[in-house]
Amino acid sequence: MYGTVAKMRVKPENREQLKKVMDAQMQGDPIPGYQRSFVLMENDSDVNWLFVIFDDRKSYDANADDPAQHERYMEMRALLEEDPEWHDGMIVEG
């Protein structure tokens, strides 16, 4: 498995909207190789951690290069304070 972790600072007034946008994006066409994602958040914090899991690096990279993914990212990015901090890598089960 391969994936990414992103530290995102959400504008306080956009917390609910970000959840709606991300939920709506997952209702669209299936993304090849995508397994699932999680968001870790605290009610009193502007920081959210996004975890996204793909079958492998090939499917992750294909998604990253897809113009449709860029559109999804820009919709999400508009709700954030700054660009997310991304960390990509192999997912090792322990």
PDB file of N, CA and C in Angstrom:
ATOM      1  N   MET A   1       0.852  -1.179   0.000  1.00  0.00           N
ATOM      2  CA  MET A   1       0.000   0.000   0.000  1.00  0.00           C
ATOM      3  C   MET A   1       0.893   1.235   0.000  1.00  0.00           C
ATOM      4  N   TYR A   2       0.333   2.331  -0.520  1.00  0.00           N
ATOM      5  CA  TYR A   2       1.049   3.594  -0.594  1.00  0.00           C
ATOM      6  C   TYR A   2       0.045   4.696  -0.283  1.00  0.00           C
ATOM      7  N   GLY A   3       0.530   5.801   0.268  1.00  0.00           N
ATOM      8  CA  GLY A   3      -0.410   6.869   0.579  1.00  0.00           C
ATOM      9  C   GLY A   3       0.255   8.149   0.992  1.00  0.00           C
ATOM     10  N   THR A   4      -0.546   8.997   1.565  1.00  0.00           N
ATOM     11  CA  THR A   4      -0.075  10.306   1.985  1.00  0.00           C
ATOM     12  C   THR A   4      -0.751  10.712   3.279  1.00  0.00           C
ATOM     13  N   VAL A   5      -0.056  11.559   4.014  1.00  0.00           N
ATOM     14  CA  VAL A   5      -0.594  12.201   5.207  1.00  0.00           C
ATOM     15  C   VAL A   5      -0.431  13.694   4.956  1.00  0.00           C
ATOM     16  N   ALA A   6      -1.485  14.447   5.201  1.00  0.00           N
ATOM     17  CA  ALA A   6      -1.422  15.895   5.010  1.00  0.00           C
ATOM     18  C   ALA A   6      -1.871  16.607   6.280  1.00  0.00           C
ATOM     19  N   LYS A   7      -1.071  17.558   6.701  1.00  0.00           N
ATOM     20  CA  LYS A   7      -1.446  18.438   7.805  1.00  0.00           C
ATOM     21  C   LYS A   7      -2.090  19.669   7.182  1.00  0.00           C
ATOM     22  N   MET A   8      -3.351  19.901   7.524  1.00  0.00           N
ATOM     23  CA  MET A   8      -4.106  20.997   6.913  1.00  0.00           C
ATOM     24  C   MET A   8      -4.619  21.948   7.993  1.00  0.00           C
ATOM     25  N   ARG A   9      -4.455  23.238   7.763  1.00  0.00           N
ATOM     26  CA  ARG A   9      -5.024  24.252   8.646  1.00  0.00           C
ATOM     27  C   ARG A   9      -6.288  24.787   7.983  1.00  0.00           C
ATOM     28  N   VAL A  10      -7.410  24.517   8.627  1.00  0.00           N
ATOM     29  CA  VAL A  10      -8.711  24.858   8.062  1.00  0.00           C
ATOM     30  C   VAL A  10      -9.167  26.209   8.611  1.00  0.00           C
ATOM     31  N   LYS A  11      -9.639  27.070   7.727  1.00  0.00           N
ATOM     32  CA  LYS A  11     -10.211  28.324   8.178  1.00  0.00           C
ATOM     33  C   LYS A  11     -11.404  27.980   9.076  1.00  0.00           C
ATOM     34  N   PRO A  12     -11.483  28.580  10.275  1.00  0.00           N
ATOM     35  CA  PRO A  12     -12.543  28.206  11.228  1.00  0.00           C
ATOM     36  C   PRO A  12     -13.949  28.225  10.634  1.00  0.00           C
ATOM     37  N   GLU A  13     -14.232  29.201   9.806  1.00  0.00           N
ATOM     38  CA  GLU A  13     -15.576  29.304   9.221  1.00  0.00           C
ATOM     39  C   GLU A  13     -15.825  28.253   8.138  1.00  0.00           C
ATOM     40  N   ASN A  14     -14.791  27.491   7.770  1.00  0.00           N
ATOM     41  CA  ASN A  14     -14.914  26.511   6.681  1.00  0.00           C
ATOM     42  C   ASN A  14     -14.869  25.055   7.136  1.00  0.00           C
ATOM     43  N   ARG A  15     -14.869  24.813   8.430  1.00  0.00           N
ATOM     44  CA  ARG A  15     -14.749  23.431   8.915  1.00  0.00           C
ATOM     45  C   ARG A  15     -15.850  22.526   8.381  1.00  0.00           C
ATOM     46  N   GLU A  16     -17.078  22.956   8.500  1.00  0.00           N
ATOM     47  CA  GLU A  16     -18.204  22.135   8.018  1.00  0.00           C
ATOM     48  C   GLU A  16     -18.201  22.017   6.504  1.00  0.00           C
ATOM     49  N   GLN A  17     -17.863  23.110   5.818  1.00  0.00           N
ATOM     50  CA  GLN A  17     -17.836  23.095   4.356  1.00  0.00           C
ATOM     51  C   GLN A  17     -16.767  22.137   3.839  1.00  0.00           C
ATOM     52  N   LEU A  18     -15.611  22.086   4.503  1.00  0.00           N
ATOM     53  CA  LEU A  18     -14.556  21.159   4.084  1.00  0.00           C
ATOM     54  C   LEU A  18     -15.052  19.724   4.169  1.00  0.00           C
ATOM     55  N   LYS A  19     -15.732  19.382   5.228  1.00  0.00           N
ATOM     56  CA  LYS A  19     -16.281  18.027   5.364  1.00  0.00           C
ATOM     57  C   LYS A  19     -17.262  17.732   4.236  1.00  0.00           C
ATOM     58  N   LYS A  20     -18.122  18.689   3.916  1.00  0.00           N
ATOM     59  CA  LYS A  20     -19.089  18.495   2.836  1.00  0.00           C
ATOM     60  C   LYS A  20     -18.396  18.317   1.491  1.00  0.00           C
ATOM     61  N   VAL A  21     -17.378  19.125   1.233  1.00  0.00           N
ATOM     62  CA  VAL A  21     -16.648  19.034  -0.034  1.00  0.00           C
ATOM     63  C   VAL A  21     -15.972  17.670  -0.159  1.00  0.00           C
ATOM     64  N   MET A  22     -15.299  17.246   0.896  1.00  0.00           N
ATOM     65  CA  MET A  22     -14.601  15.958   0.841  1.00  0.00           C
ATOM     66  C   MET A  22     -15.583  14.794   0.699  1.00  0.00           C
ATOM     67  N   ASP A  23     -16.707  14.861   1.389  1.00  0.00           N
ATOM     68  CA  ASP A  23     -17.726  13.810   1.254  1.00  0.00           C
ATOM     69  C   ASP A  23     -18.265  13.771  -0.174  1.00  0.00           C
ATOM     70  N   ALA A  24     -18.554  14.935  -0.745  1.00  0.00           N
ATOM     71  CA  ALA A  24     -19.090  15.003  -2.107  1.00  0.00           C
ATOM     72  C   ALA A  24     -18.080  14.475  -3.123  1.00  0.00           C
ATOM     73  N   GLN A  25     -16.813  14.786  -2.922  1.00  0.00           N
ATOM     74  CA  GLN A  25     -15.785  14.312  -3.852  1.00  0.00           C
ATOM     75  C   GLN A  25     -15.697  12.794  -3.863  1.00  0.00           C
ATOM     76  N   MET A  26     -15.920  12.164  -2.746  1.00  0.00           N
ATOM     77  CA  MET A  26     -15.842  10.700  -2.668  1.00  0.00           C
ATOM     78  C   MET A  26     -17.082  10.031  -3.258  1.00  0.00           C
ATOM     79  N   GLN A  27     -18.121  10.800  -3.533  1.00  0.00           N
ATOM     80  CA  GLN A  27     -19.331  10.248  -4.143  1.00  0.00           C
ATOM     81  C   GLN A  27     -19.233  10.205  -5.666  1.00  0.00           C
ATOM     82  N   GLY A  28     -18.190  10.823  -6.226  1.00  0.00           N
ATOM     83  CA  GLY A  28     -18.019  10.865  -7.675  1.00  0.00           C
ATOM     84  C   GLY A  28     -17.525   9.546  -8.238  1.00  0.00           C
ATOM     85  N   ASP A  29     -16.976   9.615  -9.442  1.00  0.00           N
ATOM     86  CA  ASP A  29     -16.436   8.428 -10.101  1.00  0.00           C
ATOM     87  C   ASP A  29     -15.350   7.796  -9.236  1.00  0.00           C
ATOM     88  N   PRO A  30     -15.290   6.474  -9.205  1.00  0.00           N
ATOM     89  CA  PRO A  30     -14.240   5.808  -8.420  1.00  0.00           C
ATOM     90  C   PRO A  30     -12.846   6.192  -8.928  1.00  0.00           C
ATOM     91  N   ILE A  31     -11.915   6.333  -8.022  1.00  0.00           N
ATOM     92  CA  ILE A  31     -10.530   6.647  -8.364  1.00  0.00           C
ATOM     93  C   ILE A  31      -9.757   5.327  -8.381  1.00  0.00           C
ATOM     94  N   PRO A  32      -9.182   4.953  -9.528  1.00  0.00           N
ATOM     95  CA  PRO A  32      -8.474   3.673  -9.610  1.00  0.00           C
ATOM     96  C   PRO A  32      -7.377   3.557  -8.552  1.00  0.00           C
ATOM     97  N   GLY A  33      -7.397   2.457  -7.810  1.00  0.00           N
ATOM     98  CA  GLY A  33      -6.393   2.191  -6.806  1.00  0.00           C
ATOM     99  C   GLY A  33      -6.651   2.812  -5.444  1.00  0.00           C
ATOM    100  N   TYR A  34      -7.625   3.705  -5.364  1.00  0.00           N
ATOM    101  CA  TYR A  34      -7.940   4.353  -4.088  1.00  0.00           C
ATOM    102  C   TYR A  34      -8.621   3.342  -3.171  1.00  0.00           C
ATOM    103  N   GLN A  35      -8.154   3.249  -1.926  1.00  0.00           N
ATOM    104  CA  GLN A  35      -8.775   2.348  -0.952  1.00  0.00           C
ATOM    105  C   GLN A  35      -9.687   3.108  -0.005  1.00  0.00           C
ATOM    106  N   ARG A  36      -9.123   4.062   0.728  1.00  0.00           N
ATOM    107  CA  ARG A  36      -9.953   4.838   1.647  1.00  0.00           C
ATOM    108  C   ARG A  36      -9.143   5.977   2.224  1.00  0.00           C
ATOM    109  N   SER A  37      -9.848   6.843   2.948  1.00  0.00           N
ATOM    110  CA  SER A  37      -9.177   7.965   3.596  1.00  0.00           C
ATOM    111  C   SER A  37      -9.813   8.210   4.957  1.00  0.00           C
ATOM    112  N   PHE A  38      -9.057   8.907   5.779  1.00  0.00           N
ATOM    113  CA  PHE A  38      -9.499   9.262   7.122  1.00  0.00           C
ATOM    114  C   PHE A  38      -9.095  10.700   7.394  1.00  0.00           C
ATOM    115  N   VAL A  39      -9.862  11.384   8.246  1.00  0.00           N
ATOM    116  CA  VAL A  39      -9.485  12.714   8.710  1.00  0.00           C
ATOM    117  C   VAL A  39      -9.476  12.689  10.229  1.00  0.00           C
ATOM    118  N   LEU A  40      -8.383  13.149  10.797  1.00  0.00           N
ATOM    119  CA  LEU A  40      -8.242  13.263  12.241  1.00  0.00           C
ATOM    120  C   LEU A  40      -8.399  14.738  12.585  1.00  0.00           C
ATOM    121  N   MET A  41      -9.358  15.047  13.467  1.00  0.00           N
ATOM    122  CA  MET A  41      -9.589  16.449  13.817  1.00  0.00           C
ATOM    123  C   MET A  41      -9.976  16.581  15.275  1.00  0.00           C
ATOM    124  N   GLU A  42      -9.738  17.763  15.774  1.00  0.00           N
ATOM    125  CA  GLU A  42     -10.172  18.154  17.112  1.00  0.00           C
ATOM    126  C   GLU A  42     -11.169  19.279  16.946  1.00  0.00           C
ATOM    127  N   ASN A  43     -12.224  19.297  17.741  1.00  0.00           N
ATOM    128  CA  ASN A  43     -13.243  20.331  17.613  1.00  0.00           C
ATOM    129  C   ASN A  43     -12.705  21.733  17.853  1.00  0.00           C
ATOM    130  N   ASP A  44     -11.704  21.870  18.718  1.00  0.00           N
ATOM    131  CA  ASP A  44     -11.207  23.192  19.078  1.00  0.00           C
ATOM    132  C   ASP A  44      -9.899  23.548  18.369  1.00  0.00           C
ATOM    133  N   SER A  45      -9.556  22.854  17.308  1.00  0.00           N
ATOM    134  CA  SER A  45      -8.303  23.106  16.605  1.00  0.00           C
ATOM    135  C   SER A  45      -8.568  23.384  15.129  1.00  0.00           C
ATOM    136  N   ASP A  46      -7.718  24.210  14.542  1.00  0.00           N
ATOM    137  CA  ASP A  46      -7.831  24.470  13.103  1.00  0.00           C
ATOM    138  C   ASP A  46      -7.009  23.475  12.288  1.00  0.00           C
ATOM    139  N   VAL A  47      -6.365  22.510  12.962  1.00  0.00           N
ATOM    140  CA  VAL A  47      -5.533  21.521  12.276  1.00  0.00           C
ATOM    141  C   VAL A  47      -6.320  20.230  12.045  1.00  0.00           C
ATOM    142  N   ASN A  48      -6.308  19.768  10.805  1.00  0.00           N
ATOM    143  CA  ASN A  48      -6.842  18.462  10.433  1.00  0.00           C
ATOM    144  C   ASN A  48      -5.714  17.660   9.815  1.00  0.00           C
ATOM    145  N   TRP A  49      -5.703  16.358  10.068  1.00  0.00           N
ATOM    146  CA  TRP A  49      -4.747  15.453   9.444  1.00  0.00           C
ATOM    147  C   TRP A  49      -5.512  14.545   8.494  1.00  0.00           C
ATOM    148  N   LEU A  50      -5.133  14.562   7.239  1.00  0.00           N
ATOM    149  CA  LEU A  50      -5.767  13.744   6.209  1.00  0.00           C
ATOM    150  C   LEU A  50      -4.866  12.556   5.898  1.00  0.00           C
ATOM    151  N   PHE A  51      -5.426  11.348   5.933  1.00  0.00           N
ATOM    152  CA  PHE A  51      -4.715  10.116   5.587  1.00  0.00           C
ATOM    153  C   PHE A  51      -5.410   9.521   4.362  1.00  0.00           C
ATOM    154  N   VAL A  52      -4.645   9.259   3.307  1.00  0.00           N
ATOM    155  CA  VAL A  52      -5.220   8.698   2.079  1.00  0.00           C
ATOM    156  C   VAL A  52      -4.415   7.463   1.690  1.00  0.00           C
ATOM    157  N   ILE A  53      -5.114   6.367   1.403  1.00  0.00           N
ATOM    158  CA  ILE A  53      -4.471   5.086   1.125  1.00  0.00           C
ATOM    159  C   ILE A  53      -4.827   4.607  -0.289  1.00  0.00           C
ATOM    160  N   PHE A  54      -3.784   4.197  -1.021  1.00  0.00           N
ATOM    161  CA  PHE A  54      -3.932   3.627  -2.361  1.00  0.00           C
ATOM    162  C   PHE A  54      -3.352   2.219  -2.377  1.00  0.00           C
ATOM    163  N   ASP A  55      -3.715   1.449  -3.404  1.00  0.00           N
ATOM    164  CA  ASP A  55      -3.203   0.086  -3.543  1.00  0.00           C
ATOM    165  C   ASP A  55      -1.680   0.063  -3.603  1.00  0.00           C
ATOM    166  N   ASP A  56      -1.121   1.012  -4.371  1.00  0.00           N
ATOM    167  CA  ASP A  56       0.323   1.026  -4.608  1.00  0.00           C
ATOM    168  C   ASP A  56       0.743   2.409  -5.098  1.00  0.00           C
ATOM    169  N   ARG A  57       2.042   2.578  -5.237  1.00  0.00           N
ATOM    170  CA  ARG A  57       2.552   3.892  -5.658  1.00  0.00           C
ATOM    171  C   ARG A  57       2.119   4.230  -7.085  1.00  0.00           C
ATOM    172  N   LYS A  58       2.044   3.238  -7.953  1.00  0.00           N
ATOM    173  CA  LYS A  58       1.646   3.483  -9.337  1.00  0.00           C
ATOM    174  C   LYS A  58       0.252   4.122  -9.400  1.00  0.00           C
ATOM    175  N   SER A  59      -0.709   3.592  -8.664  1.00  0.00           N
ATOM    176  CA  SER A  59      -2.059   4.166  -8.682  1.00  0.00           C
ATOM    177  C   SER A  59      -2.082   5.531  -7.972  1.00  0.00           C
ATOM    178  N   TYR A  60      -1.276   5.684  -6.919  1.00  0.00           N
ATOM    179  CA  TYR A  60      -1.172   6.982  -6.230  1.00  0.00           C
ATOM    180  C   TYR A  60      -0.639   8.047  -7.189  1.00  0.00           C
ATOM    181  N   ASP A  61       0.456   7.725  -7.895  1.00  0.00           N
ATOM    182  CA  ASP A  61       1.062   8.675  -8.830  1.00  0.00           C
ATOM    183  C   ASP A  61       0.121   8.996  -9.984  1.00  0.00           C
ATOM    184  N   ALA A  62      -0.596   7.993 -10.479  1.00  0.00           N
ATOM    185  CA  ALA A  62      -1.553   8.229 -11.568  1.00  0.00           C
ATOM    186  C   ALA A  62      -2.634   9.211 -11.117  1.00  0.00           C
ATOM    187  N   ASN A  63      -3.109   9.045  -9.894  1.00  0.00           N
ATOM    188  CA  ASN A  63      -4.108   9.976  -9.374  1.00  0.00           C
ATOM    189  C   ASN A  63      -3.519  11.374  -9.217  1.00  0.00           C
ATOM    190  N   ALA A  64      -2.305  11.461  -8.704  1.00  0.00           N
ATOM    191  CA  ALA A  64      -1.666  12.768  -8.510  1.00  0.00           C
ATOM    192  C   ALA A  64      -1.493  13.512  -9.831  1.00  0.00           C
ATOM    193  N   ASP A  65      -1.296  12.776 -10.928  1.00  0.00           N
ATOM    194  CA  ASP A  65      -1.104  13.382 -12.239  1.00  0.00           C
ATOM    195  C   ASP A  65      -2.411  13.639 -12.993  1.00  0.00           C
ATOM    196  N   ASP A  66      -3.525  13.235 -12.436  1.00  0.00           N
ATOM    197  CA  ASP A  66      -4.832  13.366 -13.089  1.00  0.00           C
ATOM    198  C   ASP A  66      -5.362  14.791 -12.922  1.00  0.00           C
ATOM    199  N   PRO A  67      -5.711  15.476 -14.015  1.00  0.00           N
ATOM    200  CA  PRO A  67      -6.277  16.825 -13.900  1.00  0.00           C
ATOM    201  C   PRO A  67      -7.526  16.885 -13.020  1.00  0.00           C
ATOM    202  N   ALA A  68      -8.305  15.806 -12.974  1.00  0.00           N
ATOM    203  CA  ALA A  68      -9.499  15.788 -12.113  1.00  0.00           C
ATOM    204  C   ALA A  68      -9.093  15.873 -10.645  1.00  0.00           C
ATOM    205  N   GLN A  69      -7.952  15.258 -10.279  1.00  0.00           N
ATOM    206  CA  GLN A  69      -7.472  15.357  -8.906  1.00  0.00           C
ATOM    207  C   GLN A  69      -7.058  16.790  -8.593  1.00  0.00           C
ATOM    208  N   HIS A  70      -6.456  17.463  -9.551  1.00  0.00           N
ATOM    209  CA  HIS A  70      -6.071  18.860  -9.324  1.00  0.00           C
ATOM    210  C   HIS A  70      -7.312  19.713  -9.055  1.00  0.00           C
ATOM    211  N   GLU A  71      -8.378  19.467  -9.785  1.00  0.00           N
ATOM    212  CA  GLU A  71      -9.635  20.199  -9.559  1.00  0.00           C
ATOM    213  C   GLU A  71     -10.181  19.915  -8.157  1.00  0.00           C
ATOM    214  N   ARG A  72     -10.148  18.648  -7.724  1.00  0.00           N
ATOM    215  CA  ARG A  72     -10.606  18.307  -6.376  1.00  0.00           C
ATOM    216  C   ARG A  72      -9.739  19.009  -5.328  1.00  0.00           C
ATOM    217  N   TYR A  73      -8.428  19.011  -5.559  1.00  0.00           N
ATOM    218  CA  TYR A  73      -7.517  19.669  -4.625  1.00  0.00           C
ATOM    219  C   TYR A  73      -7.814  21.166  -4.525  1.00  0.00           C
ATOM    220  N   MET A  74      -8.001  21.824  -5.655  1.00  0.00           N
ATOM    221  CA  MET A  74      -8.238  23.276  -5.643  1.00  0.00           C
ATOM    222  C   MET A  74      -9.539  23.623  -4.916  1.00  0.00           C
ATOM    223  N   GLU A  75     -10.553  22.782  -5.039  1.00  0.00           N
ATOM    224  CA  GLU A  75     -11.803  22.998  -4.315  1.00  0.00           C
ATOM    225  C   GLU A  75     -11.563  22.910  -2.805  1.00  0.00           C
ATOM    226  N   MET A  76     -10.776  21.934  -2.389  1.00  0.00           N
ATOM    227  CA  MET A  76     -10.447  21.772  -0.976  1.00  0.00           C
ATOM    228  C   MET A  76      -9.519  22.899  -0.507  1.00  0.00           C
ATOM    229  N   ARG A  77      -8.521  23.226  -1.311  1.00  0.00           N
ATOM    230  CA  ARG A  77      -7.507  24.225  -0.945  1.00  0.00           C
ATOM    231  C   ARG A  77      -8.132  25.585  -0.647  1.00  0.00           C
ATOM    232  N   ALA A  78      -9.204  25.929  -1.339  1.00  0.00           N
ATOM    233  CA  ALA A  78      -9.862  27.222  -1.136  1.00  0.00           C
ATOM    234  C   ALA A  78     -10.396  27.386   0.288  1.00  0.00           C
ATOM    235  N   LEU A  79     -10.559  26.283   0.998  1.00  0.00           N
ATOM    236  CA  LEU A  79     -11.108  26.308   2.348  1.00  0.00           C
ATOM    237  C   LEU A  79     -10.033  26.304   3.433  1.00  0.00           C
ATOM    238  N   LEU A  80      -8.765  26.263   3.023  1.00  0.00           N
ATOM    239  CA  LEU A  80      -7.659  26.148   3.964  1.00  0.00           C
ATOM    240  C   LEU A  80      -6.938  27.483   4.166  1.00  0.00           C
ATOM    241  N   GLU A  81      -6.237  27.601   5.288  1.00  0.00           N
ATOM    242  CA  GLU A  81      -5.447  28.790   5.597  1.00  0.00           C
ATOM    243  C   GLU A  81      -4.198  28.883   4.723  1.00  0.00           C
ATOM    244  N   GLU A  82      -3.619  27.725   4.392  1.00  0.00           N
ATOM    245  CA  GLU A  82      -2.362  27.669   3.654  1.00  0.00           C
ATOM    246  C   GLU A  82      -2.284  26.321   2.955  1.00  0.00           C
ATOM    247  N   ASP A  83      -1.267  26.157   2.108  1.00  0.00           N
ATOM    248  CA  ASP A  83      -1.072  24.863   1.454  1.00  0.00           C
ATOM    249  C   ASP A  83      -0.855  23.779   2.501  1.00  0.00           C
ATOM    250  N   PRO A  84      -1.396  22.596   2.288  1.00  0.00           N
ATOM    251  CA  PRO A  84      -1.156  21.493   3.226  1.00  0.00           C
ATOM    252  C   PRO A  84       0.325  21.097   3.235  1.00  0.00           C
ATOM    253  N   GLU A  85       0.715  20.477   4.313  1.00  0.00           N
ATOM    254  CA  GLU A  85       2.053  19.888   4.436  1.00  0.00           C
ATOM    255  C   GLU A  85       1.891  18.400   4.141  1.00  0.00           C
ATOM    256  N   TRP A  86       2.490  17.911   3.042  1.00  0.00           N
ATOM    257  CA  TRP A  86       2.296  16.548   2.566  1.00  0.00           C
ATOM    258  C   TRP A  86       3.468  15.649   2.924  1.00  0.00           C
ATOM    259  N   HIS A  87       3.164  14.399   3.264  1.00  0.00           N
ATOM    260  CA  HIS A  87       4.172  13.369   3.505  1.00  0.00           C
ATOM    261  C   HIS A  87       3.685  12.082   2.850  1.00  0.00           C
ATOM    262  N   ASP A  88       4.356  11.660   1.782  1.00  0.00           N
ATOM    263  CA  ASP A  88       3.984  10.474   1.022  1.00  0.00           C
ATOM    264  C   ASP A  88       4.897   9.308   1.382  1.00  0.00           C
ATOM    265  N   GLY A  89       4.371   8.084   1.257  1.00  0.00           N
ATOM    266  CA  GLY A  89       5.247   6.940   1.466  1.00  0.00           C
ATOM    267  C   GLY A  89       4.519   5.616   1.497  1.00  0.00           C
ATOM    268  N   MET A  90       5.320   4.572   1.614  1.00  0.00           N
ATOM    269  CA  MET A  90       4.813   3.206   1.726  1.00  0.00           C
ATOM    270  C   MET A  90       4.099   3.059   3.085  1.00  0.00           C
ATOM    271  N   ILE A  91       3.012   2.350   3.082  1.00  0.00           N
ATOM    272  CA  ILE A  91       2.289   2.059   4.315  1.00  0.00           C
ATOM    273  C   ILE A  91       2.661   0.658   4.741  1.00  0.00           C
ATOM    274  N   VAL A  92       3.221   0.549   5.933  1.00  0.00           N
ATOM    275  CA  VAL A  92       3.682  -0.717   6.464  1.00  0.00           C
ATOM    276  C   VAL A  92       2.783  -1.089   7.624  1.00  0.00           C
ATOM    277  N   GLU A  93       2.182  -2.264   7.536  1.00  0.00           N
ATOM    278  CA  GLU A  93       1.328  -2.731   8.621  1.00  0.00           C
ATOM    279  C   GLU A  93       2.204  -3.335   9.710  1.00  0.00           C
ATOM    280  N   GLY A  94       1.851  -3.009  10.957  1.00  0.00           N
ATOM    281  CA  GLY A  94       2.686  -3.497  12.040  1.00  0.00           C
ATOM    282  C   GLY A  94       1.958  -4.373  13.006  1.00  0.00           C
TER     283      GLY A  94
END
